[in-house]
Amino acid sequence: MSFERLAPEQHDTLEGIPEPAENPLLVAHGAEADRLAAAYRSGKMHHALILSGPRGVGKATFAFHLAHHLLKHPDPSAAPDRLAVPEPGSALHRMIASGAHPGVLYLTRPMNEKTKAFRSAVTVEEIRRVNRFLSMTSHDGGYRIVIIDPADDMNANAANALLKNLEEPPSRTLFVLISHAAGGLLPTIRSRCQTVRLHGLQPDELSRVLSSFDTAVPDAAALAARAGGSVREAILLTEYGGLEIAGALDALVEAGRFDPAAAGKLADAVAGRDQAIPFALFNAHVLDRVGAQATAAALEGDLARAEALSALWQETSRTIAETETYNLDKRQHVLGLVRRIQGALARAA
């Protein structure tokens, strides 16, 4: 896909990959899209939706396609029974993609102007923008759409502030909350929303999306399985060395003894300057590896081993968080984690 970057950079932007706001391609989720299009046409669409599902399966893209549909067809009774496909050259698409459309408010983790780094949460200051947004009269009487991406990143104050908006929304207002783990949202927020569950993409669907990004797909079925049907995970695996990192870590863990030279080579690959994504991929695969072993042990009925591996997962998670929070030596983090995981898995085997 050849595209002109219109959307502002976000905390999870990937170079060369369109932001959800500017992506005209929505693959999969057709049944869910058709149900919402039908509900809108009949005047029965809920005022607040939770788009729930794994990270990277197109939830935010779905949200912007829905927003585009409502704004392109302000009269529900005259709207088509399928979501309108955004036209990249149209004024409507360009306004939505660039964040300039007065009918769309997109809230995500904001930039810290002092540090020039993105904050770790959707703050209450961001949610307070909703009040100002809804207090303004729509310029054409159309819908006003608030998209929060992801709602999981709201801190407690932000979540409580949003709850007030959900309780008594103005007419012709739609809230779309994107969630990777909807169970973590406040029950009072979930009770005021309709949940739409989106699932991981099938291999052919994943291949179609990746091909549109000019991303090579070595083995669609294997990649879809490893990525959990997530486009984002597939891109990280293929374009950011995720497959190689996982393979190197697996080889180290499965070796009969700790190999300092091989561990050092892996540490150099993932812990250098400007290696934030490879470092995150390494940490994620460590947790996945330990978690999978714990699950397997539990299914086999080996509860003692499962408990030991579960404790290891918790300890590893804390170690990762401390390294990131306190900006500890990443190379030493990798070396220490490889040694610890290998030894612990060997003892638990």
Protein backbone atom coordinates (compact mmCIF):
# COMPACT_ATOMS: atom_id res chain seq x y z
CA MET A 1 0.00 0.00 0.00
CA SER A 2 1.40 3.34 -1.04
CA PHE A 3 0.07 6.02 1.26
CA GLU A 4 0.65 9.59 2.31
CA ARG A 5 1.19 9.93 6.06
CA LEU A 6 -1.63 12.14 7.34
CA ALA A 7 -2.15 11.06 10.94
CA PRO A 8 0.00 12.36 13.79
CA GLU A 9 2.58 9.98 15.22
CA GLN A 10 1.30 7.88 18.12
CA HIS A 11 2.98 5.96 20.94
CA ASP A 12 2.78 2.71 18.95
CA THR A 13 3.44 4.00 15.41
CA LEU A 14 5.34 1.62 13.13
CA GLU A 15 7.37 3.12 10.31
CA GLY A 16 5.81 2.57 6.90
CA ILE A 17 2.53 1.25 8.34
CA PRO A 18 -0.62 3.41 8.12
CA GLU A 19 -2.25 4.59 11.31
CA PRO A 20 -5.79 3.21 11.79
CA ALA A 21 -7.25 6.64 11.01
CA GLU A 22 -5.67 6.67 7.55
CA ASN A 23 -6.04 3.00 6.63
CA PRO A 24 -8.78 2.47 4.00
CA LEU A 25 -8.45 -1.32 4.18
CA LEU A 26 -10.50 -3.22 6.75
CA VAL A 27 -10.01 -6.96 6.46
CA ALA A 28 -12.17 -9.45 8.39
CA HIS A 29 -14.85 -8.52 10.94
CA GLY A 30 -17.46 -8.33 8.16
CA ALA A 31 -20.27 -9.82 10.23
CA GLU A 32 -19.67 -7.35 13.07
CA ALA A 33 -19.49 -4.43 10.62
CA ASP A 34 -22.74 -5.49 8.95
CA ARG A 35 -24.55 -5.73 12.29
CA LEU A 36 -23.51 -2.22 13.28
CA ALA A 37 -24.39 -0.83 9.85
CA ALA A 38 -27.84 -2.40 10.15
CA ALA A 39 -28.30 -1.09 13.68
CA TYR A 40 -27.37 2.42 12.54
CA ARG A 41 -29.73 2.28 9.59
CA SER A 42 -32.60 1.17 11.84
CA GLY A 43 -31.86 3.89 14.41
CA LYS A 44 -31.01 1.29 17.07
CA MET A 45 -27.25 1.65 17.39
CA HIS A 46 -26.01 1.83 20.98
CA HIS A 47 -24.50 5.14 22.05
CA ALA A 48 -21.36 3.45 23.41
CA LEU A 49 -19.41 0.50 22.02
CA ILE A 50 -16.49 -1.51 23.34
CA LEU A 51 -14.46 -3.02 20.52
CA SER A 52 -12.82 -5.90 22.33
CA GLY A 53 -10.20 -8.33 21.08
CA PRO A 54 -6.49 -9.09 20.81
CA ARG A 55 -4.05 -6.28 20.12
CA GLY A 56 -3.43 -5.60 16.45
CA VAL A 57 -6.48 -7.25 14.85
CA GLY A 58 -7.93 -4.02 13.43
CA LYS A 59 -10.10 -2.66 16.24
CA ALA A 60 -8.99 0.95 15.79
CA THR A 61 -9.26 0.70 11.99
CA PHE A 62 -12.79 -0.68 12.50
CA ALA A 63 -13.61 2.29 14.74
CA PHE A 64 -12.48 4.84 12.15
CA HIS A 65 -14.36 3.06 9.36
CA LEU A 66 -17.50 3.22 11.50
CA ALA A 67 -16.91 6.92 12.17
CA HIS A 68 -16.44 7.52 8.45
CA HIS A 69 -19.71 5.71 7.72
CA LEU A 70 -21.72 7.83 10.18
CA LEU A 71 -20.25 11.09 8.92
CA LYS A 72 -20.66 10.21 5.26
CA HIS A 73 -24.27 9.15 5.80
CA PRO A 74 -25.70 11.49 8.45
CA ASP A 75 -29.26 10.31 7.72
CA PRO A 76 -29.42 6.77 9.15
CA SER A 77 -32.50 5.78 7.14
CA ALA A 78 -30.63 6.54 3.90
CA ALA A 79 -27.39 4.80 4.90
CA PRO A 80 -26.31 1.63 3.07
CA ASP A 81 -26.41 -1.74 4.80
CA ARG A 82 -22.61 -2.08 4.56
CA LEU A 83 -19.99 0.23 6.05
CA ALA A 84 -18.81 2.78 3.51
CA VAL A 85 -15.21 2.23 2.38
CA PRO A 86 -13.09 5.38 2.89
CA GLU A 87 -11.76 6.95 -0.28
CA PRO A 88 -8.14 8.03 0.37
CA GLY A 89 -8.42 11.07 -1.88
CA SER A 90 -11.68 12.38 -0.42
CA ALA A 91 -11.87 15.43 1.81
CA LEU A 92 -13.76 13.43 4.47
CA HIS A 93 -11.09 10.75 4.70
CA ARG A 94 -8.26 13.26 4.82
CA MET A 95 -9.93 15.31 7.55
CA ILE A 96 -10.58 12.26 9.71
CA ALA A 97 -7.10 10.84 9.13
CA SER A 98 -5.33 14.09 10.00
CA GLY A 99 -7.42 14.66 13.13
CA ALA A 100 -9.00 17.79 11.65
CA HIS A 101 -12.62 16.67 11.42
CA PRO A 102 -14.77 18.53 13.98
CA GLY A 103 -16.99 15.49 14.44
CA VAL A 104 -14.27 13.07 15.60
CA LEU A 105 -12.29 13.20 18.84
CA TYR A 106 -9.51 10.61 19.05
CA LEU A 107 -8.00 10.12 22.49
CA THR A 108 -4.89 8.05 23.13
CA ARG A 109 -1.75 8.29 25.24
CA PRO A 110 -0.59 11.93 24.91
CA MET A 111 2.87 13.33 24.45
CA ASN A 112 4.65 14.69 27.51
CA GLU A 113 5.73 18.10 26.23
CA LYS A 114 8.57 18.32 28.74
CA THR A 115 10.22 14.99 28.01
CA LYS A 116 8.97 14.65 24.40
CA ALA A 117 8.02 11.04 25.22
CA PHE A 118 4.55 9.54 25.20
CA ARG A 119 2.87 9.10 28.55
CA SER A 120 2.15 5.61 29.84
CA ALA A 121 -1.58 6.24 30.34
CA VAL A 122 -4.60 7.99 28.90
CA THR A 123 -4.84 10.79 31.43
CA VAL A 124 -7.81 12.53 32.99
CA GLU A 125 -6.78 15.70 31.13
CA GLU A 126 -7.41 13.85 27.86
CA ILE A 127 -10.83 12.64 28.99
CA ARG A 128 -11.78 16.19 30.04
CA ARG A 129 -11.47 17.13 26.38
CA VAL A 130 -14.66 15.12 25.86
CA ASN A 131 -16.72 17.72 27.75
CA ARG A 132 -15.43 20.54 25.57
CA PHE A 133 -15.94 18.46 22.44
CA LEU A 134 -19.54 17.58 23.28
CA SER A 135 -20.39 21.12 24.38
CA MET A 136 -19.85 22.34 20.83
CA THR A 137 -22.79 22.13 18.46
CA SER A 138 -22.18 19.85 15.51
CA HIS A 139 -21.54 22.01 12.45
CA ASP A 140 -23.97 20.01 10.27
CA GLY A 141 -26.18 18.30 12.84
CA GLY A 142 -24.29 15.05 12.30
CA TYR A 143 -22.80 12.60 14.73
CA ARG A 144 -19.98 13.35 17.12
CA ILE A 145 -17.72 10.35 17.65
CA VAL A 146 -15.30 9.87 20.55
CA ILE A 147 -12.70 7.11 20.06
CA ILE A 148 -10.52 6.09 23.03
CA ASP A 149 -7.56 3.92 22.06
CA PRO A 150 -7.03 1.91 24.13
CA ALA A 151 -9.48 2.40 26.96
CA ASP A 152 -7.32 -0.08 28.92
CA ASP A 153 -4.72 2.69 29.28
CA MET A 154 -7.02 5.04 31.20
CA ASN A 155 -5.91 5.64 34.77
CA ALA A 156 -8.48 5.57 37.57
CA ASN A 157 -9.27 9.29 37.42
CA ALA A 158 -9.69 9.17 33.64
CA ALA A 159 -12.01 6.15 33.84
CA ASN A 160 -14.22 7.85 36.43
CA ALA A 161 -14.34 11.04 34.37
CA LEU A 162 -15.40 9.08 31.30
CA LEU A 163 -18.15 7.35 33.26
CA LYS A 164 -19.91 10.68 33.76
CA ASN A 165 -19.99 11.24 30.01
CA LEU A 166 -21.36 7.77 29.35
CA GLU A 167 -24.21 8.17 31.82
CA GLU A 168 -25.98 11.04 30.01
CA PRO A 169 -24.58 11.41 26.50
CA PRO A 170 -26.00 14.04 24.14
CA SER A 171 -28.05 12.81 21.24
CA ARG A 172 -26.23 11.73 18.06
CA THR A 173 -23.09 10.92 20.03
CA LEU A 174 -21.12 7.71 19.73
CA PHE A 175 -18.40 6.53 22.10
CA VAL A 176 -16.06 3.81 20.82
CA LEU A 177 -13.79 2.28 23.45
CA ILE A 178 -11.02 0.10 22.08
CA SER A 179 -9.95 -2.60 24.52
CA HIS A 180 -7.40 -5.39 24.37
CA ALA A 181 -8.73 -6.80 27.67
CA ALA A 182 -12.24 -5.54 28.35
CA GLY A 183 -12.42 -7.42 31.64
CA GLY A 184 -10.03 -4.86 33.10
CA LEU A 185 -12.38 -1.94 32.47
CA LEU A 186 -14.61 -0.67 35.27
CA PRO A 187 -17.79 -2.78 35.52
CA THR A 188 -19.78 0.45 35.53
CA ILE A 189 -18.24 1.39 32.17
CA ARG A 190 -18.86 -2.05 30.69
CA SER A 191 -22.49 -1.97 31.81
CA ARG A 192 -23.11 1.21 29.84
CA CYS A 193 -21.61 -0.09 26.61
CA GLN A 194 -22.37 -2.72 24.01
CA THR A 195 -19.40 -5.03 23.57
CA VAL A 196 -18.41 -6.04 20.04
CA ARG A 197 -15.82 -8.82 20.03
CA LEU A 198 -13.30 -8.93 17.21
CA HIS A 199 -11.12 -11.99 16.69
CA GLY A 200 -7.70 -12.72 15.26
CA LEU A 201 -7.33 -12.84 11.49
CA GLN A 202 -7.20 -16.07 9.50
CA PRO A 203 -4.02 -16.81 7.50
CA ASP A 204 -5.50 -15.60 4.19
CA GLU A 205 -6.80 -12.43 5.82
CA LEU A 206 -3.46 -11.77 7.47
CA SER A 207 -1.66 -12.28 4.16
CA ARG A 208 -3.95 -9.81 2.45
CA VAL A 209 -3.25 -7.09 5.00
CA LEU A 210 0.49 -7.67 5.08
CA SER A 211 0.65 -7.69 1.28
CA SER A 212 -1.07 -4.30 1.23
CA PHE A 213 1.78 -3.03 3.43
CA ASP A 214 4.39 -4.60 1.12
CA THR A 215 5.38 -6.92 3.95
CA ALA A 216 6.72 -10.35 3.00
CA VAL A 217 4.72 -13.34 4.24
CA PRO A 218 7.00 -16.41 4.46
CA ASP A 219 4.41 -18.91 5.75
CA ALA A 220 0.97 -17.44 6.28
CA ALA A 221 -0.43 -20.28 8.40
CA ALA A 222 2.60 -20.49 10.69
CA LEU A 223 2.85 -16.72 10.96
CA ALA A 224 -0.86 -16.32 11.78
CA ALA A 225 -0.57 -18.98 14.49
CA ARG A 226 2.53 -17.43 16.02
CA ALA A 227 1.10 -13.91 15.83
CA GLY A 228 -2.27 -14.97 17.22
CA GLY A 229 -3.98 -13.56 14.14
CA SER A 230 -2.63 -10.09 14.98
CA VAL A 231 -1.42 -7.91 12.12
CA ARG A 232 0.74 -5.86 14.45
CA GLU A 233 2.39 -8.93 15.94
CA ALA A 234 2.99 -10.35 12.47
CA ILE A 235 4.69 -7.12 11.39
CA LEU A 236 6.87 -7.14 14.50
CA LEU A 237 7.80 -10.76 13.88
CA THR A 238 8.68 -10.31 10.21
CA GLU A 239 9.95 -6.74 9.97
CA TYR A 240 11.54 -6.18 13.39
CA GLY A 241 13.36 -9.47 13.88
CA GLY A 242 10.80 -11.06 16.18
CA LEU A 243 11.14 -14.51 14.62
CA GLU A 244 14.94 -14.41 14.87
CA ILE A 245 14.83 -13.17 18.46
CA ALA A 246 12.41 -15.93 19.46
CA GLY A 247 14.53 -18.56 17.71
CA ALA A 248 17.73 -17.39 19.38
CA LEU A 249 16.11 -17.33 22.81
CA ASP A 250 14.56 -20.77 22.35
CA ALA A 251 17.93 -22.20 21.33
CA LEU A 252 19.59 -20.73 24.42
CA VAL A 253 16.87 -21.97 26.77
CA GLU A 254 16.86 -25.47 25.29
CA ALA A 255 20.66 -25.84 25.34
CA GLY A 256 22.17 -28.17 27.87
CA ARG A 257 24.18 -25.39 29.50
CA PHE A 258 24.37 -21.60 29.56
CA ASP A 259 26.29 -20.25 26.55
CA PRO A 260 27.73 -16.81 27.48
CA ALA A 261 28.85 -16.04 23.92
CA ALA A 262 25.44 -16.81 22.36
CA ALA A 263 23.63 -14.98 25.15
CA GLY A 264 25.90 -11.97 24.65
CA LYS A 265 25.17 -11.97 20.92
CA LEU A 266 21.43 -11.93 21.61
CA ALA A 267 21.86 -9.18 24.21
CA ASP A 268 23.78 -7.04 21.71
CA ALA A 269 20.99 -7.51 19.16
CA VAL A 270 18.11 -6.45 21.41
CA ALA A 271 19.58 -4.13 24.05
CA GLY A 272 21.41 -1.53 22.01
CA ARG A 273 20.47 2.07 21.45
CA ASP A 274 17.29 2.55 19.39
CA GLN A 275 16.37 -1.11 19.94
CA ALA A 276 13.18 -0.51 21.92
CA ILE A 277 11.01 -2.77 19.77
CA PRO A 278 13.45 -5.74 19.65
CA PHE A 279 13.94 -5.39 23.42
CA ALA A 280 10.16 -5.49 23.94
CA LEU A 281 9.90 -8.51 21.64
CA PHE A 282 12.56 -10.33 23.66
CA ASN A 283 10.72 -9.64 26.93
CA ALA A 284 7.39 -10.66 25.46
CA HIS A 285 8.77 -13.96 24.18
CA VAL A 286 10.34 -14.73 27.55
CA LEU A 287 6.95 -14.29 29.22
CA ASP A 288 5.19 -16.27 26.50
CA ARG A 289 7.67 -19.10 26.83
CA VAL A 290 7.34 -19.36 30.60
CA GLY A 291 3.57 -18.94 30.45
CA ALA A 292 3.21 -21.71 27.86
CA GLN A 293 5.30 -24.05 30.01
CA ALA A 294 3.17 -23.26 33.07
CA THR A 295 -0.04 -23.92 31.15
CA ALA A 296 1.29 -27.20 29.77
CA ALA A 297 2.29 -28.35 33.25
CA ALA A 298 -1.15 -27.55 34.62
CA LEU A 299 -2.87 -29.45 31.81
CA GLU A 300 -0.63 -32.45 32.51
CA GLY A 301 -1.67 -32.35 36.17
CA ASP A 302 1.82 -31.47 37.42
CA LEU A 303 0.62 -28.79 39.81
CA ALA A 304 3.93 -28.35 41.63
CA ARG A 305 5.73 -27.59 38.36
CA ALA A 306 2.89 -25.34 37.21
CA GLU A 307 3.05 -23.38 40.47
CA ALA A 308 6.83 -22.97 40.20
CA LEU A 309 6.58 -21.74 36.62
CA SER A 310 3.74 -19.38 37.50
CA ALA A 311 5.92 -17.86 40.23
CA LEU A 312 8.73 -17.57 37.70
CA TRP A 313 6.38 -15.72 35.32
CA GLN A 314 5.44 -13.25 38.06
CA GLU A 315 9.08 -12.70 39.03
CA THR A 316 10.08 -12.21 35.38
CA SER A 317 7.27 -9.75 34.82
CA ARG A 318 8.43 -7.69 37.82
CA THR A 319 12.03 -7.77 36.57
CA ILE A 320 10.96 -6.48 33.15
CA ALA A 321 8.87 -3.71 34.69
CA GLU A 322 11.69 -2.60 36.98
CA THR A 323 14.19 -2.52 34.13
CA GLU A 324 11.89 -0.32 32.06
CA THR A 325 10.76 1.89 34.95
CA TYR A 326 14.21 2.60 36.34
CA ASN A 327 16.07 2.47 33.01
CA LEU A 328 18.39 -0.29 34.22
CA ASP A 329 21.16 -1.80 32.09
CA LYS A 330 19.29 -3.62 29.32
CA ARG A 331 22.21 -5.81 28.28
CA GLN A 332 22.66 -7.12 31.82
CA HIS A 333 18.89 -7.57 32.00
CA VAL A 334 18.94 -9.85 28.94
CA LEU A 335 21.93 -11.88 30.13
CA GLY A 336 20.47 -12.31 33.60
CA LEU A 337 17.05 -13.26 32.32
CA VAL A 338 18.37 -15.85 29.87
CA ARG A 339 20.47 -17.50 32.59
CA ARG A 340 17.58 -17.47 35.07
CA ILE A 341 14.97 -18.78 32.64
CA GLN A 342 17.21 -21.54 31.34
CA GLY A 343 18.10 -22.73 34.81
CA ALA A 344 14.53 -22.55 36.09
CA LEU A 345 13.03 -24.39 33.12
CA ALA A 346 15.72 -27.06 33.38
CA ARG A 347 14.88 -27.59 37.09
CA ALA A 348 11.16 -27.63 36.37
CA ALA A 349 11.45 -30.15 33.52
